[in-house]
Amino acid sequence: MVTLHCSVCGAPYTGNTNKYVCPHCGASIEPGLDLSAQRERARALLCSGGTGSGIWRYRAMFPGMDNIAPITMGEGDTPLQRADKLEAAYGIARLYLKDETLNPTGTYKDRFATLALSQFRAEKASAVALGSAGNAGSAVAAYSAKAGIPCYVVLPEGGVFARAQQAMSYGARFIRTKGEVNDCIELIELGVDRYHWRNGCTTMLHNPLASEGYKTIVYEIFRQMDGALPDVILCPIGGGILISKVYRACCELKTLGLVDRIPRLVGVQAAGCPPVVWAIENGAEETPVWKDPKTVAGSINDPVTFEGRTALHVIRASEGTAVAVTDEEILAAMRLTAQKEAVLAEPASAAAIAAVKKLLDTGWLSKDACAVSIVTGSALRDLPLFSVGETPDVPTVHPGDLAEMDAAVRRFAER
């Protein structure tokens, strides 16, 4: 039987299963994992990666998933790329990109979706629903299609419909609402009772078991760095779940004696929607609802930080920080990362790369440090942003005219 407890104060939880919130401190709930009972097995698994492929090799680290048949498309095992050209551009000793764009739907959300839809199918769910403006909708829609379960996606008013087309391609049923993502999720919660949907929202607040899938990002980094962790891990923050689960996985590795310290965690937000940054800078215990959020980074344009208390706790517990970057810094990092490292980082992911430069400039991050930025999603849905503020220079030549061709080549050579 899976036990649940508060991710911050540790209090046992036996309450509402529609929304998992600690009645004592208001933080998110997570499942218990008795590492003392399986210490040697867990150590061997995390060091060797076990058998099989993808995140399901770590099944023993997922409470409640022991006997469930996986709905999988090969998610996980994404590369940890040494960004040597960005190192030179920014002036840092070691910088790595954990490239989640190579997951099946191009996003780290697949690590959640594989567990969620495996659980939902085992429980014979008739339909799944979630509120999303992008990555979460695509991931849950894809795995719902694989599981043979209908998927409903409620799209917020400010959501870019073009970013929803991927989820529509998987057969998701879209409903639009006049509100933000948090309003979409409230509608989903009403639909759970009215239509017997399973809530597929990619949060600890609604799915504490499936949220454990995000921990595997750190498990993989640990193995890819030959049994070590970096000094700093930078995570984009929208709802706050990624940084919360990154911390939990780091704590598990430390508890098992596999690492002797936890990396400092950096939460990165857009300057147009920085509730976590505000809370850290002002010593607050809660994140405010951000009014009039506005940024090109749609994946982190969340006015409500669903895992806010937990995110604040893990940043402080790891002696980390939170930083906001402007849209201009985000777009510059998108272009630089694509041109220097051949990684198409969506705006939210580029924020976690732009933050490296910002923290180096302020002195918070040492130039001798080893840092990992998590590239949470692909920019294939955001390609027009690469040319914002720029007019592409595409010379035209006539067929067979080598003089014009020479002139065109010289133009590029002279830049």
Protein backbone atom coordinates (compact mmCIF):
# COMPACT_ATOMS: atom_id res chain seq x y z
CA MET A 1 0.00 0.00 0.00
CA VAL A 2 1.31 3.44 -0.94
CA THR A 3 1.68 5.93 1.89
CA LEU A 4 1.50 9.67 1.28
CA HIS A 5 3.08 12.58 3.13
CA CYS A 6 3.68 16.30 2.81
CA SER A 7 6.65 17.22 0.62
CA VAL A 8 7.63 20.02 3.02
CA CYS A 9 6.61 19.27 6.62
CA GLY A 10 6.51 15.48 6.22
CA ALA A 11 3.10 15.05 7.87
CA PRO A 12 1.25 11.85 6.84
CA TYR A 13 -1.63 12.43 4.43
CA THR A 14 -4.91 10.53 4.28
CA GLY A 15 -7.19 13.25 2.96
CA ASN A 16 -8.86 14.30 -0.28
CA THR A 17 -7.78 12.31 -3.34
CA ASN A 18 -9.06 14.86 -5.85
CA LYS A 19 -6.59 17.53 -4.73
CA TYR A 20 -3.56 16.55 -2.68
CA VAL A 21 -2.72 19.45 -0.34
CA CYS A 22 -1.20 19.25 3.14
CA PRO A 23 -3.79 20.47 5.69
CA HIS A 24 -0.98 21.64 7.99
CA CYS A 25 1.25 23.76 5.74
CA GLY A 26 -0.47 23.86 2.34
CA ALA A 27 2.37 22.19 0.43
CA SER A 28 2.00 19.41 -2.14
CA ILE A 29 1.79 15.72 -1.28
CA GLU A 30 4.16 12.99 -2.43
CA PRO A 31 4.31 9.20 -2.01
CA GLY A 32 6.55 7.57 0.54
CA LEU A 33 9.52 5.46 -0.56
CA ASP A 34 11.21 3.34 2.11
CA LEU A 35 14.82 3.44 0.95
CA SER A 36 16.11 1.76 4.11
CA ALA A 37 14.16 -1.40 3.24
CA GLN A 38 15.69 -1.62 -0.23
CA ARG A 39 18.96 0.24 0.25
CA GLU A 40 21.30 -2.12 -1.60
CA ARG A 41 18.81 -2.83 -4.36
CA ALA A 42 18.18 0.88 -4.92
CA ARG A 43 21.90 1.68 -4.87
CA ALA A 44 22.61 -1.00 -7.46
CA LEU A 45 19.72 0.16 -9.64
CA LEU A 46 20.70 3.83 -9.63
CA CYS A 47 24.37 3.04 -10.29
CA SER A 48 23.83 0.53 -13.09
CA GLY A 49 20.53 1.68 -14.55
CA GLY A 50 19.13 -1.82 -14.12
CA THR A 51 17.68 -3.69 -17.07
CA GLY A 52 15.41 -2.51 -19.84
CA SER A 53 15.31 0.97 -21.29
CA GLY A 54 13.77 4.36 -20.63
CA ILE A 55 12.37 5.47 -17.33
CA TRP A 56 10.70 2.13 -16.57
CA ARG A 57 14.09 0.67 -15.70
CA TYR A 58 13.60 2.66 -12.47
CA ARG A 59 10.19 1.13 -11.70
CA ALA A 60 11.32 0.21 -8.17
CA MET A 61 11.62 3.95 -7.43
CA PHE A 62 7.98 4.60 -8.40
CA PRO A 63 5.62 3.85 -5.48
CA GLY A 64 2.41 2.15 -6.58
CA MET A 65 3.68 1.15 -10.04
CA ASP A 66 5.01 -2.33 -9.22
CA ASN A 67 2.48 -4.46 -11.07
CA ILE A 68 1.24 -2.06 -13.75
CA ALA A 69 1.72 -2.80 -17.45
CA PRO A 70 3.57 0.21 -18.91
CA ILE A 71 2.16 2.46 -21.61
CA THR A 72 5.51 3.47 -23.05
CA MET A 73 6.98 4.97 -26.21
CA GLY A 74 10.63 4.85 -25.20
CA GLU A 75 10.68 8.01 -23.11
CA GLY A 76 13.78 8.84 -21.11
CA ASP A 77 17.46 8.08 -21.72
CA THR A 78 17.85 11.58 -23.14
CA PRO A 79 21.38 12.90 -23.73
CA LEU A 80 23.36 15.08 -21.38
CA GLN A 81 25.19 17.24 -23.88
CA ARG A 82 28.40 19.10 -23.03
CA ALA A 83 27.78 22.65 -24.26
CA ASP A 84 31.39 23.59 -24.93
CA LYS A 85 30.57 26.48 -27.27
CA LEU A 86 28.17 27.99 -24.75
CA GLU A 87 30.86 27.51 -22.10
CA ALA A 88 33.18 29.67 -24.18
CA ALA A 89 30.48 32.25 -24.91
CA TYR A 90 29.41 32.58 -21.28
CA GLY A 91 32.74 31.97 -19.55
CA ILE A 92 31.88 28.96 -17.37
CA ALA A 93 34.04 25.89 -16.77
CA ARG A 94 31.42 23.22 -17.46
CA LEU A 95 27.89 23.56 -18.79
CA TYR A 96 25.66 20.66 -19.78
CA LEU A 97 22.25 20.57 -21.43
CA LYS A 98 19.90 17.77 -20.39
CA ASP A 99 18.11 17.52 -23.73
CA GLU A 100 14.50 16.53 -23.08
CA THR A 101 13.52 17.55 -26.63
CA LEU A 102 14.37 13.99 -27.71
CA ASN A 103 11.49 12.43 -25.78
CA PRO A 104 8.66 11.01 -27.94
CA THR A 105 6.56 14.20 -27.94
CA GLY A 106 9.54 16.54 -27.55
CA THR A 107 9.09 17.34 -23.87
CA TYR A 108 9.99 16.18 -20.36
CA LYS A 109 6.25 15.82 -19.68
CA ASP A 110 6.44 12.38 -21.31
CA ARG A 111 8.07 11.14 -18.11
CA PHE A 112 4.84 11.99 -16.29
CA ALA A 113 2.50 10.83 -19.05
CA THR A 114 3.88 7.30 -19.28
CA LEU A 115 3.22 6.70 -15.56
CA ALA A 116 -0.12 8.50 -15.52
CA LEU A 117 -1.64 6.66 -18.48
CA SER A 118 -0.28 3.33 -17.27
CA GLN A 119 -2.01 3.98 -13.95
CA PHE A 120 -5.23 5.22 -15.57
CA ARG A 121 -5.49 2.23 -17.90
CA ALA A 122 -4.90 -0.17 -15.02
CA GLU A 123 -7.74 1.58 -13.17
CA LYS A 124 -9.96 1.30 -16.29
CA ALA A 125 -10.41 5.05 -16.71
CA SER A 126 -13.07 5.97 -19.28
CA ALA A 127 -11.46 9.32 -20.20
CA VAL A 128 -8.66 11.64 -19.13
CA ALA A 129 -8.75 15.44 -19.08
CA LEU A 130 -6.31 18.24 -18.36
CA GLY A 131 -5.84 21.97 -18.75
CA SER A 132 -2.87 22.88 -20.91
CA ALA A 133 -1.54 25.44 -23.36
CA GLY A 134 1.17 23.24 -24.82
CA ASN A 135 3.59 20.53 -23.69
CA ALA A 136 1.43 18.80 -21.08
CA GLY A 137 -1.50 18.54 -23.49
CA SER A 138 0.66 17.02 -26.21
CA ALA A 139 2.25 14.48 -23.88
CA VAL A 140 -0.95 13.32 -22.19
CA ALA A 141 -2.83 13.25 -25.51
CA ALA A 142 -0.13 11.08 -27.10
CA TYR A 143 -0.02 8.56 -24.27
CA SER A 144 -3.82 8.55 -24.06
CA ALA A 145 -3.91 7.61 -27.74
CA LYS A 146 -1.42 4.83 -27.08
CA ALA A 147 -3.52 3.62 -24.13
CA GLY A 148 -6.77 3.82 -26.10
CA ILE A 149 -8.34 6.30 -23.67
CA PRO A 150 -10.17 9.45 -24.87
CA CYS A 151 -8.41 12.68 -23.92
CA TYR A 152 -9.94 16.12 -23.32
CA VAL A 153 -7.76 19.24 -23.25
CA VAL A 154 -9.10 22.54 -21.94
CA LEU A 155 -7.15 25.38 -23.55
CA PRO A 156 -6.79 28.76 -21.83
CA GLU A 157 -7.83 31.92 -23.62
CA GLY A 158 -4.25 33.10 -24.03
CA GLY A 159 -3.04 29.72 -25.31
CA VAL A 160 -1.51 29.73 -28.77
CA PHE A 161 -3.70 27.43 -30.82
CA ALA A 162 -0.80 26.49 -33.10
CA ARG A 163 0.95 24.95 -30.08
CA ALA A 164 -2.14 22.81 -29.47
CA GLN A 165 -2.09 21.26 -32.94
CA GLN A 166 0.28 18.50 -31.87
CA ALA A 167 -2.19 17.31 -29.22
CA MET A 168 -5.04 17.57 -31.73
CA SER A 169 -3.07 15.33 -34.07
CA TYR A 170 -3.22 12.60 -31.43
CA GLY A 171 -7.02 12.87 -31.42
CA ALA A 172 -7.42 15.02 -28.31
CA ARG A 173 -10.79 16.74 -27.87
CA PHE A 174 -10.31 20.46 -27.30
CA ILE A 175 -12.45 22.87 -25.31
CA ARG A 176 -11.48 26.53 -25.00
CA THR A 177 -12.20 28.66 -21.95
CA LYS A 178 -12.01 32.36 -21.17
CA GLY A 179 -9.36 32.21 -18.49
CA GLU A 180 -5.84 31.11 -17.52
CA VAL A 181 -4.46 27.60 -17.04
CA ASN A 182 -5.60 27.57 -13.41
CA ASP A 183 -9.17 28.27 -14.61
CA CYS A 184 -8.87 25.34 -17.00
CA ILE A 185 -7.82 23.07 -14.15
CA GLU A 186 -10.79 24.19 -12.05
CA LEU A 187 -13.08 23.17 -14.93
CA ILE A 188 -11.34 19.80 -15.09
CA GLU A 189 -11.93 19.30 -11.37
CA LEU A 190 -15.65 19.92 -11.93
CA GLY A 191 -15.61 17.48 -14.84
CA VAL A 192 -14.09 14.74 -12.71
CA ASP A 193 -17.34 14.48 -10.75
CA ARG A 194 -19.72 15.32 -13.57
CA TYR A 195 -18.26 13.25 -16.42
CA HIS A 196 -16.17 10.72 -14.46
CA TRP A 197 -12.95 11.93 -16.09
CA ARG A 198 -9.55 11.13 -14.65
CA ASN A 199 -7.68 14.33 -13.92
CA GLY A 200 -4.56 14.22 -16.08
CA CYS A 201 -3.07 17.53 -14.95
CA THR A 202 0.69 17.14 -14.69
CA THR A 203 1.03 18.23 -11.06
CA MET A 204 1.73 16.71 -7.66
CA LEU A 205 -1.46 18.46 -6.62
CA HIS A 206 -3.52 16.08 -8.76
CA ASN A 207 -1.23 13.12 -9.54
CA PRO A 208 1.41 12.51 -6.88
CA LEU A 209 2.25 9.00 -8.10
CA ALA A 210 2.76 9.82 -11.78
CA SER A 211 4.76 12.91 -10.84
CA GLU A 212 7.53 10.61 -9.63
CA GLY A 213 8.48 10.10 -13.28
CA TYR A 214 10.26 13.45 -13.31
CA LYS A 215 12.82 12.12 -10.81
CA THR A 216 14.38 10.03 -13.56
CA ILE A 217 15.93 13.15 -15.10
CA VAL A 218 18.27 13.29 -12.10
CA TYR A 219 18.84 9.52 -12.05
CA GLU A 220 20.03 9.78 -15.65
CA ILE A 221 22.23 12.81 -14.97
CA PHE A 222 23.84 10.89 -12.09
CA ARG A 223 24.76 7.97 -14.35
CA GLN A 224 25.76 10.20 -17.27
CA MET A 225 28.17 12.08 -15.00
CA ASP A 226 29.73 8.79 -13.84
CA GLY A 227 28.16 8.73 -10.41
CA ALA A 228 28.21 12.44 -9.63
CA LEU A 229 25.93 15.46 -9.73
CA PRO A 230 26.74 19.01 -10.87
CA ASP A 231 27.22 21.99 -8.59
CA VAL A 232 24.06 23.67 -9.90
CA ILE A 233 20.91 22.52 -11.72
CA LEU A 234 18.79 25.16 -13.47
CA CYS A 235 15.09 24.42 -13.96
CA PRO A 236 12.43 26.51 -15.70
CA ILE A 237 9.50 27.07 -13.33
CA GLY A 238 5.87 27.30 -14.34
CA GLY A 239 3.82 25.20 -11.94
CA GLY A 240 6.91 24.24 -9.93
CA ILE A 241 6.81 20.47 -10.25
CA LEU A 242 10.09 19.94 -12.07
CA ILE A 243 12.33 21.60 -9.51
CA SER A 244 10.41 19.87 -6.71
CA LYS A 245 11.06 16.42 -8.17
CA VAL A 246 14.65 17.23 -9.09
CA TYR A 247 15.23 17.96 -5.41
CA ARG A 248 13.49 14.76 -4.27
CA ALA A 249 15.67 12.65 -6.57
CA CYS A 250 18.83 14.40 -5.34
CA CYS A 251 17.77 13.70 -1.75
CA GLU A 252 17.24 10.02 -2.57
CA LEU A 253 20.75 9.76 -3.99
CA LYS A 254 22.16 11.44 -0.88
CA THR A 255 20.12 9.25 1.48
CA LEU A 256 21.52 6.18 -0.28
CA GLY A 257 25.06 7.47 0.17
CA LEU A 258 25.64 7.80 -3.57
CA VAL A 259 26.40 11.54 -3.40
CA ASP A 260 27.58 13.61 -0.47
CA ARG A 261 25.81 16.86 -1.33
CA ILE A 262 22.74 18.19 -3.08
CA PRO A 263 23.28 20.61 -5.98
CA ARG A 264 22.09 24.16 -5.56
CA LEU A 265 18.83 24.45 -7.45
CA VAL A 266 17.95 27.50 -9.51
CA GLY A 267 14.35 28.23 -10.43
CA VAL A 268 14.14 30.28 -13.61
CA GLN A 269 11.13 32.35 -14.63
CA ALA A 270 10.29 34.95 -17.24
CA ALA A 271 10.37 38.58 -16.12
CA GLY A 272 6.76 38.88 -17.28
CA CYS A 273 5.57 36.15 -14.87
CA PRO A 274 7.94 35.63 -11.90
CA PRO A 275 5.88 34.70 -8.79
CA VAL A 276 8.55 32.33 -7.44
CA VAL A 277 11.30 34.90 -7.94
CA TRP A 278 9.18 37.49 -6.13
CA ALA A 279 8.59 35.11 -3.21
CA ILE A 280 12.29 34.25 -2.88
CA GLU A 281 13.35 37.90 -3.04
CA ASN A 282 10.73 38.93 -0.48
CA GLY A 283 11.14 36.02 1.93
CA ALA A 284 7.55 34.87 1.39
CA GLU A 285 6.26 31.38 2.19
CA GLU A 286 3.69 31.44 -0.61
CA THR A 287 3.84 32.45 -4.24
CA PRO A 288 1.37 35.16 -5.27
CA VAL A 289 -1.10 34.83 -8.11
CA TRP A 290 0.64 36.84 -10.83
CA LYS A 291 -1.63 39.37 -12.47
CA ASP A 292 -1.38 39.98 -16.21
CA PRO A 293 1.34 37.42 -16.98
CA LYS A 294 3.01 38.09 -20.30
CA THR A 295 6.01 36.40 -21.89
CA VAL A 296 7.06 34.58 -25.05
CA ALA A 297 7.78 31.58 -22.82
CA GLY A 298 4.27 30.14 -22.82
CA SER A 299 5.26 26.96 -20.95
CA ILE A 300 6.15 28.99 -17.84
CA ASN A 301 3.54 31.72 -18.21
CA ASP A 302 1.62 30.36 -15.22
CA PRO A 303 0.01 32.95 -12.93
CA VAL A 304 -0.53 30.23 -10.30
CA THR A 305 2.43 28.16 -9.11
CA PHE A 306 0.64 24.93 -8.21
CA GLU A 307 3.66 23.51 -6.38
CA GLY A 308 4.65 26.94 -5.05
CA ARG A 309 5.26 26.09 -1.40
CA THR A 310 7.23 23.00 -2.33
CA ALA A 311 9.28 24.87 -4.95
CA LEU A 312 10.18 27.61 -2.47
CA HIS A 313 11.15 24.99 0.10
CA VAL A 314 13.49 23.05 -2.21
CA ILE A 315 15.19 26.19 -3.52
CA ARG A 316 15.94 27.33 0.02
CA ALA A 317 16.85 23.87 1.31
CA SER A 318 19.40 23.45 -1.49
CA GLU A 319 20.81 26.95 -0.88
CA GLY A 320 19.75 27.85 -4.40
CA THR A 321 18.02 30.87 -5.84
CA ALA A 322 15.38 32.03 -8.29
CA VAL A 323 16.05 34.39 -11.17
CA ALA A 324 13.95 36.12 -13.82
CA VAL A 325 15.12 36.68 -17.39
CA THR A 326 13.62 39.02 -19.97
CA ASP A 327 12.03 37.95 -23.23
CA GLU A 328 14.99 39.53 -25.03
CA GLU A 329 17.40 37.35 -23.03
CA ILE A 330 15.26 34.29 -23.73
CA LEU A 331 15.19 34.88 -27.49
CA ALA A 332 18.93 35.53 -27.56
CA ALA A 333 19.57 32.25 -25.70
CA MET A 334 17.27 30.36 -28.09
CA ARG A 335 19.26 31.57 -31.08
CA LEU A 336 22.65 31.05 -29.45
CA THR A 337 21.82 27.51 -28.29
CA ALA A 338 20.55 26.51 -31.72
CA GLN A 339 23.52 28.00 -33.56
CA LYS A 340 26.23 26.87 -31.14
CA GLU A 341 24.90 23.55 -29.81
CA ALA A 342 22.29 22.50 -32.43
CA VAL A 343 19.63 22.21 -29.72
CA LEU A 344 16.23 23.76 -30.43
CA ALA A 345 15.24 24.87 -26.94
CA GLU A 346 11.73 26.21 -26.50
CA PRO A 347 11.51 29.64 -24.80
CA ALA A 348 11.00 28.20 -21.30
CA SER A 349 14.07 26.01 -21.73
CA ALA A 350 16.09 28.87 -23.18
CA ALA A 351 15.26 30.82 -20.02
CA ALA A 352 17.20 28.22 -18.01
CA ILE A 353 20.16 28.75 -20.35
CA ALA A 354 19.95 32.55 -20.33
CA ALA A 355 19.99 32.38 -16.53
CA VAL A 356 23.49 30.89 -16.60
CA LYS A 357 24.86 34.09 -18.10
CA LYS A 358 22.81 36.25 -15.76
CA LEU A 359 24.03 34.43 -12.65
CA LEU A 360 27.63 34.53 -13.86
CA ASP A 361 27.32 38.28 -14.43
CA THR A 362 25.98 38.84 -10.90
CA GLY A 363 28.64 36.62 -9.34
CA TRP A 364 26.15 34.16 -7.82
CA LEU A 365 27.45 31.43 -10.12
CA SER A 366 31.20 30.82 -10.11
CA LYS A 367 33.03 30.60 -13.43
CA ASP A 368 34.62 27.40 -12.08
CA ALA A 369 31.24 25.75 -11.53
CA CYS A 370 29.68 22.75 -13.23
CA ALA A 371 26.06 23.51 -14.17
CA VAL A 372 23.24 21.61 -15.88
CA SER A 373 20.37 23.41 -17.58
CA ILE A 374 17.33 21.23 -18.20
CA VAL A 375 16.02 21.76 -21.73
CA THR A 376 12.43 20.82 -21.02
CA GLY A 377 10.91 21.08 -24.50
CA SER A 378 11.50 21.53 -28.20
CA ALA A 379 11.20 24.81 -30.11
CA LEU A 380 9.79 23.07 -33.18
CA ARG A 381 6.45 24.64 -32.22
CA ASP A 382 8.08 28.05 -31.81
CA LEU A 383 10.20 28.41 -34.94
CA PRO A 384 8.92 31.92 -35.85
CA LEU A 385 10.46 33.21 -32.60
CA PHE A 386 13.97 32.64 -33.95
CA SER A 387 13.53 35.54 -36.36
CA VAL A 388 11.80 38.00 -34.00
CA GLY A 389 13.45 41.39 -34.45
CA GLU A 390 15.53 40.15 -37.35
CA THR A 391 15.02 40.11 -41.10
CA PRO A 392 16.49 36.91 -42.58
CA ASP A 393 19.13 37.64 -45.22
CA VAL A 394 18.37 35.26 -48.10
CA PRO A 395 20.01 36.40 -51.34
CA THR A 396 18.45 35.38 -54.65
CA VAL A 397 20.48 34.26 -57.66
CA HIS A 398 19.46 33.35 -61.19
CA PRO A 399 19.96 29.75 -62.38
CA GLY A 400 23.47 29.23 -63.73
CA ASP A 401 24.70 32.72 -62.76
CA LEU A 402 27.99 32.06 -60.95
CA ALA A 403 28.75 35.77 -60.58
CA GLU A 404 25.58 36.24 -58.52
CA MET A 405 26.39 33.06 -56.60
CA ASP A 406 29.90 34.37 -55.85
CA ALA A 407 28.43 37.64 -54.59
CA ALA A 408 25.97 35.80 -52.35
CA VAL A 409 28.69 33.63 -50.84
CA ARG A 410 30.91 36.69 -50.26
CA ARG A 411 28.08 38.38 -48.34
CA PHE A 412 28.04 35.53 -45.85
CA ALA A 413 31.84 35.32 -45.68
CA GLU A 414 32.11 39.03 -44.85
CA ARG A 415 29.80 38.86 -41.83
